[in-house]
Amino acid sequence: MKKSVVYTVYVCISFDGQILEAQCECGAGMGPNAHCKHVAAVIYGAHVFSSKGSVLVENTCTEKLQSFHKVKKYTGSPAKAKDINIPGADESTNISYEPRKTKFINSSSYEAFFRNSCINFATISFSGMPINQLFEPCNIRALAHDHDYLQKCPEDIYVNQFRL
């Protein structure tokens, strides 16, 4: 079934109701004595119109595109996870997922310890860690003034490293 194809059907009927000739644009309906389904439908429609005075036009089941495989719109509201009652979930929900040892949980210096561990690991392995993106970068000017015991400033050491 192709929606873009439309056939023009010609039927010549005499005044006494005899079909003189019929023709359709489809392959089976060519010629003066056509016998295709399109011509038959037009002749049947003319017969119904002459006997009842009107034609009932309805869509057939194949004229409407398939819709059973299309997703229907969801009109409900999603359930909150806290409101879902799962039997037996009480035994498994009391698990603590705290990765730190108990002596570090409330320690004020643990944040600095964790930051230094991540930064030092990244410099040793050269692969870096994604968590390092969360740390604020260092102050370069403060770094240069902090190492005043060096013979040259850190910028000069870095530049001299790449000279030929």
N, C-alpha and C. Protein backbone atom coordinates (compact mmCIF):
# COMPACT_ATOMS: atom_id res chain seq x y z
N MET A 1 0.84 -1.18 0.00
CA MET A 1 0.00 0.00 0.00
C MET A 1 0.89 1.24 0.00
N LYS A 2 0.71 2.05 -0.99
CA LYS A 2 1.49 3.27 -1.10
C LYS A 2 0.55 4.46 -1.02
N LYS A 3 0.83 5.36 -0.08
CA LYS A 3 -0.06 6.51 0.10
C LYS A 3 0.12 7.56 -1.00
N SER A 4 1.27 7.59 -1.63
CA SER A 4 1.53 8.64 -2.60
C SER A 4 1.00 8.30 -4.00
N VAL A 5 0.55 7.06 -4.21
CA VAL A 5 0.08 6.65 -5.54
C VAL A 5 -1.43 6.84 -5.60
N VAL A 6 -1.89 7.59 -6.58
CA VAL A 6 -3.33 7.81 -6.80
C VAL A 6 -3.62 7.45 -8.25
N TYR A 7 -4.62 6.59 -8.46
CA TYR A 7 -5.00 6.18 -9.81
C TYR A 7 -6.29 6.89 -10.20
N THR A 8 -6.34 7.35 -11.42
CA THR A 8 -7.55 7.96 -11.96
C THR A 8 -8.32 6.89 -12.73
N VAL A 9 -9.60 6.75 -12.40
CA VAL A 9 -10.44 5.70 -13.01
C VAL A 9 -11.51 6.39 -13.86
N TYR A 10 -11.66 5.93 -15.11
CA TYR A 10 -12.69 6.42 -16.02
C TYR A 10 -13.68 5.29 -16.28
N VAL A 11 -14.96 5.58 -16.06
CA VAL A 11 -16.01 4.60 -16.33
C VAL A 11 -17.08 5.29 -17.16
N CYS A 12 -17.46 4.67 -18.28
CA CYS A 12 -18.50 5.22 -19.15
C CYS A 12 -19.75 4.34 -19.00
N ILE A 13 -20.84 4.91 -18.47
CA ILE A 13 -22.08 4.17 -18.22
C ILE A 13 -23.18 4.79 -19.07
N SER A 14 -23.99 3.94 -19.71
CA SER A 14 -25.11 4.43 -20.52
C SER A 14 -26.26 4.83 -19.62
N PHE A 15 -27.31 5.46 -20.19
CA PHE A 15 -28.46 5.93 -19.40
C PHE A 15 -29.27 4.78 -18.82
N ASP A 16 -29.20 3.62 -19.45
CA ASP A 16 -29.96 2.47 -18.92
C ASP A 16 -29.13 1.66 -17.91
N GLY A 17 -27.87 2.07 -17.55
CA GLY A 17 -27.06 1.44 -16.52
C GLY A 17 -26.05 0.45 -17.03
N GLN A 18 -25.90 0.37 -18.33
CA GLN A 18 -24.93 -0.57 -18.89
C GLN A 18 -23.55 0.08 -18.94
N ILE A 19 -22.52 -0.70 -18.57
CA ILE A 19 -21.15 -0.19 -18.58
C ILE A 19 -20.61 -0.34 -19.98
N LEU A 20 -20.27 0.80 -20.60
CA LEU A 20 -19.77 0.76 -21.97
C LEU A 20 -18.27 0.50 -22.01
N GLU A 21 -17.56 1.23 -21.21
CA GLU A 21 -16.11 0.99 -21.11
C GLU A 21 -15.59 1.52 -19.78
N ALA A 22 -14.42 0.99 -19.37
CA ALA A 22 -13.79 1.41 -18.12
C ALA A 22 -12.29 1.37 -18.31
N GLN A 23 -11.63 2.29 -17.64
CA GLN A 23 -10.17 2.36 -17.77
C GLN A 23 -9.58 2.90 -16.47
N CYS A 24 -8.41 2.37 -16.12
CA CYS A 24 -7.71 2.80 -14.91
C CYS A 24 -6.25 3.03 -15.27
N GLU A 25 -5.57 3.87 -14.50
CA GLU A 25 -4.17 4.16 -14.78
C GLU A 25 -3.22 3.07 -14.29
N CYS A 26 -3.70 2.11 -13.51
CA CYS A 26 -2.82 1.06 -13.03
C CYS A 26 -2.51 0.08 -14.16
N GLY A 27 -1.56 -0.81 -13.92
CA GLY A 27 -1.13 -1.76 -14.96
C GLY A 27 -2.23 -2.72 -15.37
N ALA A 28 -3.06 -3.16 -14.44
CA ALA A 28 -4.12 -4.12 -14.77
C ALA A 28 -5.32 -3.44 -15.38
N GLY A 29 -5.46 -2.14 -15.21
CA GLY A 29 -6.67 -1.45 -15.67
C GLY A 29 -6.53 -0.76 -17.01
N MET A 30 -5.48 -1.02 -17.77
CA MET A 30 -5.30 -0.37 -19.07
C MET A 30 -6.21 -1.00 -20.11
N GLY A 31 -6.67 -0.19 -21.03
CA GLY A 31 -7.48 -0.69 -22.14
C GLY A 31 -8.97 -0.43 -21.92
N PRO A 32 -9.77 -0.62 -22.96
CA PRO A 32 -11.19 -0.30 -22.85
C PRO A 32 -11.97 -1.31 -21.98
N ASN A 33 -11.51 -2.51 -21.82
CA ASN A 33 -12.20 -3.53 -21.02
C ASN A 33 -11.38 -3.85 -19.77
N ALA A 34 -11.21 -2.87 -18.91
CA ALA A 34 -10.36 -3.03 -17.73
C ALA A 34 -11.05 -3.87 -16.68
N HIS A 35 -10.26 -4.67 -15.97
CA HIS A 35 -10.79 -5.50 -14.89
C HIS A 35 -9.87 -5.42 -13.68
N CYS A 36 -9.75 -4.29 -13.06
CA CYS A 36 -8.93 -4.16 -11.85
C CYS A 36 -9.82 -3.78 -10.67
N LYS A 37 -9.26 -3.85 -9.48
CA LYS A 37 -10.03 -3.58 -8.27
C LYS A 37 -10.46 -2.12 -8.17
N HIS A 38 -9.71 -1.23 -8.79
CA HIS A 38 -10.06 0.19 -8.73
C HIS A 38 -11.34 0.46 -9.52
N VAL A 39 -11.46 -0.15 -10.69
CA VAL A 39 -12.67 0.01 -11.51
C VAL A 39 -13.85 -0.63 -10.79
N ALA A 40 -13.63 -1.82 -10.20
CA ALA A 40 -14.71 -2.49 -9.48
C ALA A 40 -15.20 -1.65 -8.32
N ALA A 41 -14.29 -0.98 -7.61
CA ALA A 41 -14.68 -0.14 -6.47
C ALA A 41 -15.50 1.05 -6.93
N VAL A 42 -15.13 1.65 -8.05
CA VAL A 42 -15.89 2.80 -8.57
C VAL A 42 -17.28 2.36 -9.02
N ILE A 43 -17.37 1.23 -9.69
CA ILE A 43 -18.68 0.74 -10.15
C ILE A 43 -19.56 0.36 -8.96
N TYR A 44 -18.99 -0.29 -7.95
CA TYR A 44 -19.75 -0.62 -6.75
C TYR A 44 -20.22 0.64 -6.03
N GLY A 45 -19.36 1.65 -5.93
CA GLY A 45 -19.75 2.91 -5.30
C GLY A 45 -20.87 3.59 -6.06
N ALA A 46 -20.84 3.53 -7.41
CA ALA A 46 -21.92 4.12 -8.22
C ALA A 46 -23.23 3.36 -7.99
N HIS A 47 -23.17 2.04 -7.86
CA HIS A 47 -24.37 1.23 -7.60
C HIS A 47 -24.97 1.57 -6.23
N VAL A 48 -24.12 1.67 -5.19
CA VAL A 48 -24.62 2.00 -3.85
C VAL A 48 -25.22 3.40 -3.85
N PHE A 49 -24.60 4.34 -4.54
CA PHE A 49 -25.10 5.71 -4.59
C PHE A 49 -26.45 5.78 -5.30
N SER A 50 -26.61 5.01 -6.38
CA SER A 50 -27.89 5.05 -7.12
C SER A 50 -29.01 4.37 -6.34
N SER A 51 -28.70 3.37 -5.52
CA SER A 51 -29.76 2.68 -4.79
C SER A 51 -30.09 3.37 -3.46
N LYS A 52 -29.11 3.89 -2.73
CA LYS A 52 -29.35 4.49 -1.41
C LYS A 52 -29.37 6.01 -1.44
N GLY A 53 -28.77 6.62 -2.42
CA GLY A 53 -28.74 8.08 -2.50
C GLY A 53 -27.54 8.70 -1.81
N SER A 54 -26.75 7.92 -1.09
CA SER A 54 -25.54 8.44 -0.46
C SER A 54 -24.52 7.31 -0.36
N VAL A 55 -23.27 7.70 -0.19
CA VAL A 55 -22.20 6.72 -0.07
C VAL A 55 -21.58 6.89 1.31
N LEU A 56 -21.47 5.77 2.03
CA LEU A 56 -20.84 5.79 3.33
C LEU A 56 -19.34 5.57 3.13
N VAL A 57 -18.55 6.57 3.47
CA VAL A 57 -17.10 6.48 3.28
C VAL A 57 -16.45 6.29 4.65
N GLU A 58 -15.76 5.19 4.84
CA GLU A 58 -15.05 4.90 6.08
C GLU A 58 -13.62 4.51 5.75
N ASN A 59 -12.75 4.73 6.74
CA ASN A 59 -11.36 4.28 6.58
C ASN A 59 -11.30 2.78 6.83
N THR A 60 -10.54 2.10 6.02
CA THR A 60 -10.32 0.68 6.25
C THR A 60 -9.22 0.51 7.28
N CYS A 61 -9.06 -0.72 7.76
CA CYS A 61 -8.05 -0.96 8.79
C CYS A 61 -6.63 -0.79 8.25
N THR A 62 -6.44 -0.91 6.95
CA THR A 62 -5.08 -0.78 6.40
C THR A 62 -4.75 0.65 5.97
N GLU A 63 -5.71 1.55 6.03
CA GLU A 63 -5.43 2.93 5.64
C GLU A 63 -4.71 3.71 6.74
N LYS A 64 -4.88 3.30 7.97
CA LYS A 64 -4.23 3.98 9.08
C LYS A 64 -2.88 3.32 9.34
N LEU A 65 -1.84 4.12 9.56
CA LEU A 65 -0.51 3.59 9.81
C LEU A 65 -0.47 2.84 11.13
N GLN A 66 0.44 1.90 11.23
CA GLN A 66 0.58 1.09 12.44
C GLN A 66 0.92 1.98 13.63
N SER A 67 0.32 1.67 14.77
CA SER A 67 0.61 2.45 15.97
C SER A 67 0.88 1.56 17.18
N PHE A 68 0.84 0.24 17.03
CA PHE A 68 1.02 -0.63 18.19
C PHE A 68 2.46 -0.65 18.68
N HIS A 69 3.43 -0.31 17.83
CA HIS A 69 4.82 -0.33 18.26
C HIS A 69 5.32 1.04 18.72
N LYS A 70 4.47 2.03 18.74
CA LYS A 70 4.86 3.36 19.20
C LYS A 70 4.62 3.48 20.69
N VAL A 71 5.49 4.21 21.37
CA VAL A 71 5.40 4.37 22.82
C VAL A 71 4.26 5.32 23.16
N LYS A 72 3.45 4.91 24.12
CA LYS A 72 2.35 5.77 24.57
C LYS A 72 2.88 6.76 25.59
N LYS A 73 2.28 7.92 25.64
CA LYS A 73 2.71 8.96 26.56
C LYS A 73 2.36 8.55 27.98
N TYR A 74 3.33 8.69 28.89
CA TYR A 74 3.12 8.35 30.29
C TYR A 74 2.48 9.54 30.99
N THR A 75 1.32 9.31 31.60
CA THR A 75 0.60 10.42 32.22
C THR A 75 0.66 10.39 33.74
N GLY A 76 1.20 9.33 34.32
CA GLY A 76 1.29 9.24 35.78
C GLY A 76 2.47 10.02 36.32
N SER A 77 2.59 10.04 37.63
CA SER A 77 3.73 10.71 38.25
C SER A 77 4.68 9.64 38.77
N PRO A 78 5.98 9.88 38.74
CA PRO A 78 6.94 8.87 39.20
C PRO A 78 6.86 8.69 40.72
N ALA A 79 7.13 7.48 41.16
CA ALA A 79 7.11 7.19 42.59
C ALA A 79 8.44 7.61 43.22
N LYS A 80 8.37 8.13 44.42
CA LYS A 80 9.58 8.51 45.14
C LYS A 80 10.25 7.24 45.65
N ALA A 81 11.58 7.21 45.59
CA ALA A 81 12.32 6.03 46.02
C ALA A 81 12.13 5.76 47.51
N LYS A 82 11.97 6.79 48.29
CA LYS A 82 11.80 6.59 49.74
C LYS A 82 10.43 6.01 50.08
N ASP A 83 9.45 6.15 49.18
CA ASP A 83 8.11 5.64 49.43
C ASP A 83 7.91 4.20 48.96
N ILE A 84 8.87 3.63 48.25
CA ILE A 84 8.74 2.28 47.75
C ILE A 84 8.96 1.29 48.89
N ASN A 85 8.03 0.37 49.04
CA ASN A 85 8.12 -0.64 50.09
C ASN A 85 8.67 -1.92 49.47
N ILE A 86 9.91 -2.25 49.82
CA ILE A 86 10.55 -3.46 49.32
C ILE A 86 10.71 -4.43 50.48
N PRO A 87 10.07 -5.60 50.41
CA PRO A 87 10.21 -6.55 51.52
C PRO A 87 11.65 -7.03 51.66
N GLY A 88 12.15 -7.08 52.89
CA GLY A 88 13.50 -7.55 53.16
C GLY A 88 14.58 -6.51 52.96
N ALA A 89 14.22 -5.28 52.63
CA ALA A 89 15.22 -4.24 52.37
C ALA A 89 15.81 -3.68 53.66
N ASP A 90 15.14 -3.87 54.78
CA ASP A 90 15.64 -3.31 56.04
C ASP A 90 16.97 -3.93 56.46
N GLU A 91 17.16 -5.21 56.15
CA GLU A 91 18.41 -5.86 56.54
C GLU A 91 19.60 -5.32 55.75
N SER A 92 19.38 -4.94 54.50
CA SER A 92 20.51 -4.51 53.66
C SER A 92 20.70 -2.99 53.64
N THR A 93 19.81 -2.23 54.25
CA THR A 93 19.95 -0.77 54.22
C THR A 93 20.75 -0.22 55.39
N ASN A 94 21.10 -1.04 56.34
CA ASN A 94 21.88 -0.55 57.49
C ASN A 94 23.38 -0.66 57.26
N ILE A 95 23.80 -0.81 56.03
CA ILE A 95 25.22 -0.95 55.71
C ILE A 95 25.86 0.43 55.62
N SER A 96 27.03 0.61 56.22
CA SER A 96 27.75 1.86 56.15
C SER A 96 28.75 1.80 54.99
N TYR A 97 28.67 2.75 54.10
CA TYR A 97 29.57 2.80 52.95
C TYR A 97 30.70 3.81 53.17
N GLU A 98 31.11 4.03 54.38
CA GLU A 98 32.17 4.97 54.71
C GLU A 98 33.52 4.32 54.43
N PRO A 99 34.30 4.86 53.44
CA PRO A 99 35.57 4.23 53.10
C PRO A 99 36.70 4.56 54.08
N ARG A 100 36.52 5.60 54.90
CA ARG A 100 37.60 6.00 55.82
C ARG A 100 37.64 5.12 57.04
N LYS A 101 38.81 5.03 57.62
CA LYS A 101 38.94 4.33 58.90
C LYS A 101 38.28 5.17 59.98
N THR A 102 37.85 4.54 61.05
CA THR A 102 37.10 5.26 62.09
C THR A 102 37.90 6.38 62.74
N LYS A 103 39.23 6.26 62.82
CA LYS A 103 40.02 7.32 63.44
C LYS A 103 40.10 8.57 62.57
N PHE A 104 39.79 8.45 61.25
CA PHE A 104 39.85 9.60 60.34
C PHE A 104 38.49 10.25 60.08
N ILE A 105 37.42 9.67 60.57
CA ILE A 105 36.09 10.15 60.19
C ILE A 105 35.86 11.60 60.62
N ASN A 106 36.16 11.96 61.84
CA ASN A 106 35.94 13.33 62.32
C ASN A 106 37.23 14.12 62.45
N SER A 107 38.29 13.70 61.79
CA SER A 107 39.57 14.37 61.89
C SER A 107 39.55 15.66 61.05
N SER A 108 40.05 16.74 61.63
CA SER A 108 40.05 18.03 60.91
C SER A 108 41.12 18.06 59.82
N SER A 109 42.16 17.25 59.94
CA SER A 109 43.25 17.28 58.96
C SER A 109 43.08 16.23 57.85
N TYR A 110 41.98 15.49 57.86
CA TYR A 110 41.82 14.43 56.87
C TYR A 110 41.67 15.01 55.45
N GLU A 111 41.03 16.17 55.33
CA GLU A 111 40.86 16.79 54.01
C GLU A 111 42.21 17.11 53.38
N ALA A 112 43.13 17.68 54.14
CA ALA A 112 44.46 17.99 53.64
C ALA A 112 45.24 16.71 53.34
N PHE A 113 45.08 15.69 54.19
CA PHE A 113 45.75 14.40 53.96
C PHE A 113 45.28 13.78 52.65
N PHE A 114 43.98 13.79 52.42
CA PHE A 114 43.42 13.20 51.20
C PHE A 114 43.88 13.98 49.96
N ARG A 115 43.85 15.31 50.03
CA ARG A 115 44.28 16.15 48.90
C ARG A 115 45.74 15.89 48.56
N ASN A 116 46.60 15.87 49.56
CA ASN A 116 48.03 15.64 49.33
C ASN A 116 48.28 14.24 48.77
N SER A 117 47.53 13.26 49.24
CA SER A 117 47.70 11.90 48.72
C SER A 117 47.34 11.83 47.24
N CYS A 118 46.26 12.47 46.85
CA CYS A 118 45.84 12.46 45.44
C CYS A 118 46.84 13.20 44.56
N ILE A 119 47.29 14.37 45.00
CA ILE A 119 48.22 15.16 44.19
C ILE A 119 49.55 14.45 44.06
N ASN A 120 50.07 13.88 45.15
CA ASN A 120 51.35 13.16 45.09
C ASN A 120 51.25 11.90 44.25
N PHE A 121 50.12 11.22 44.29
CA PHE A 121 49.94 10.03 43.46
C PHE A 121 49.97 10.40 41.98
N ALA A 122 49.35 11.53 41.63
CA ALA A 122 49.32 11.96 40.23
C ALA A 122 50.71 12.31 39.73
N THR A 123 51.56 12.87 40.60
CA THR A 123 52.91 13.22 40.14
C THR A 123 53.80 11.99 40.03
N ILE A 124 53.53 10.96 40.81
CA ILE A 124 54.34 9.74 40.75
C ILE A 124 53.96 8.90 39.54
N SER A 125 52.68 8.71 39.30
CA SER A 125 52.24 7.78 38.25
C SER A 125 52.10 8.44 36.88
N PHE A 126 52.09 9.73 36.78
CA PHE A 126 51.96 10.49 35.53
C PHE A 126 50.64 10.24 34.81
N SER A 127 49.75 9.47 35.38
CA SER A 127 48.47 9.23 34.70
C SER A 127 47.40 10.20 35.17
N GLY A 128 47.58 10.76 36.34
CA GLY A 128 46.59 11.68 36.87
C GLY A 128 45.39 10.94 37.43
N MET A 129 44.61 11.68 38.18
CA MET A 129 43.40 11.12 38.76
C MET A 129 42.26 12.07 38.47
N PRO A 130 41.09 11.58 38.12
CA PRO A 130 39.97 12.48 37.84
C PRO A 130 39.58 13.35 39.03
N ILE A 131 39.82 12.87 40.23
CA ILE A 131 39.45 13.66 41.41
C ILE A 131 40.30 14.91 41.53
N ASN A 132 41.46 14.94 40.89
CA ASN A 132 42.32 16.13 40.94
C ASN A 132 41.66 17.35 40.30
N GLN A 133 40.67 17.13 39.46
CA GLN A 133 39.96 18.26 38.85
C GLN A 133 39.15 19.03 39.89
N LEU A 134 38.89 18.42 41.02
CA LEU A 134 38.11 19.09 42.06
C LEU A 134 38.95 20.02 42.93
N PHE A 135 40.26 19.85 42.89
CA PHE A 135 41.13 20.66 43.73
C PHE A 135 41.48 21.97 43.03
N GLU A 136 41.56 23.01 43.83
CA GLU A 136 41.92 24.33 43.31
C GLU A 136 43.41 24.34 42.94
N PRO A 137 43.78 24.93 41.79
CA PRO A 137 45.19 24.95 41.42
C PRO A 137 46.00 25.85 42.36
N CYS A 138 47.29 25.63 42.39
CA CYS A 138 48.13 26.40 43.31
C CYS A 138 48.34 27.83 42.78
N ASN A 139 48.78 28.71 43.67
CA ASN A 139 49.08 30.08 43.34
C ASN A 139 50.53 30.13 42.85
N ILE A 140 50.74 30.38 41.55
CA ILE A 140 52.08 30.34 40.96
C ILE A 140 52.98 31.43 41.53
N ARG A 141 52.43 32.62 41.79
CA ARG A 141 53.25 33.71 42.34
C ARG A 141 53.74 33.37 43.75
N ALA A 142 52.86 32.76 44.52
CA ALA A 142 53.26 32.37 45.88
C ALA A 142 54.30 31.27 45.83
N LEU A 143 54.21 30.38 44.87
CA LEU A 143 55.19 29.31 44.71
C LEU A 143 56.58 29.88 44.43
N ALA A 144 56.65 30.91 43.56
CA ALA A 144 57.94 31.51 43.22
C ALA A 144 58.55 32.22 44.43
N HIS A 145 57.72 32.88 45.24
CA HIS A 145 58.24 33.60 46.40
C HIS A 145 58.51 32.68 47.58
N ASP A 146 57.90 31.51 47.58
CA ASP A 146 58.06 30.57 48.68
C ASP A 146 59.44 29.90 48.65
N HIS A 147 59.98 29.69 47.44
CA HIS A 147 61.26 29.00 47.31
C HIS A 147 62.39 30.02 47.08
N ASP A 148 62.62 30.91 48.04
CA ASP A 148 63.65 31.95 47.90
C ASP A 148 65.05 31.44 48.22
N TYR A 149 65.17 30.22 48.66
CA TYR A 149 66.49 29.65 48.97
C TYR A 149 67.17 29.11 47.72
N LEU A 150 66.49 29.05 46.58
CA LEU A 150 67.09 28.55 45.35
C LEU A 150 68.00 29.60 44.73
N GLN A 151 68.98 29.15 43.94
CA GLN A 151 69.88 30.09 43.27
C GLN A 151 69.15 30.82 42.14
N LYS A 152 68.25 30.12 41.44
CA LYS A 152 67.45 30.73 40.37
C LYS A 152 65.98 30.56 40.73
N CYS A 153 65.14 31.41 40.16
CA CYS A 153 63.71 31.28 40.41
C CYS A 153 63.17 30.07 39.62
N PRO A 154 62.05 29.48 40.02
CA PRO A 154 61.51 28.29 39.34
C PRO A 154 61.23 28.51 37.85
N GLU A 155 60.87 29.75 37.46
CA GLU A 155 60.62 30.02 36.05
C GLU A 155 61.90 29.86 35.22
N ASP A 156 63.02 30.38 35.76
CA ASP A 156 64.30 30.26 35.04
C ASP A 156 64.76 28.80 34.95
N ILE A 157 64.55 28.06 36.01
CA ILE A 157 64.91 26.64 35.99
C ILE A 157 64.11 25.91 34.91
N TYR A 158 62.83 26.22 34.81
CA TYR A 158 61.96 25.58 33.82
C TYR A 158 62.38 25.94 32.40
N VAL A 159 62.66 27.22 32.18
CA VAL A 159 63.06 27.67 30.83
C VAL A 159 64.41 27.10 30.44
N ASN A 160 65.38 27.08 31.35
CA ASN A 160 66.71 26.54 31.06
C ASN A 160 66.68 25.04 30.77
N GLN A 161 65.66 24.40 31.24
CA GLN A 161 65.51 22.97 31.02
C GLN A 161 65.35 22.64 29.52
N PHE A 162 64.73 23.54 28.76
CA PHE A 162 64.42 23.28 27.35
C PHE A 162 65.38 23.99 26.39
N ARG A 163 66.39 24.71 26.89
CA ARG A 163 67.35 25.37 26.01
C ARG A 163 68.33 24.37 25.45
N LEU A 164 68.77 24.62 24.26
CA LEU A 164 69.75 23.73 23.62
C LEU A 164 71.17 24.07 24.00
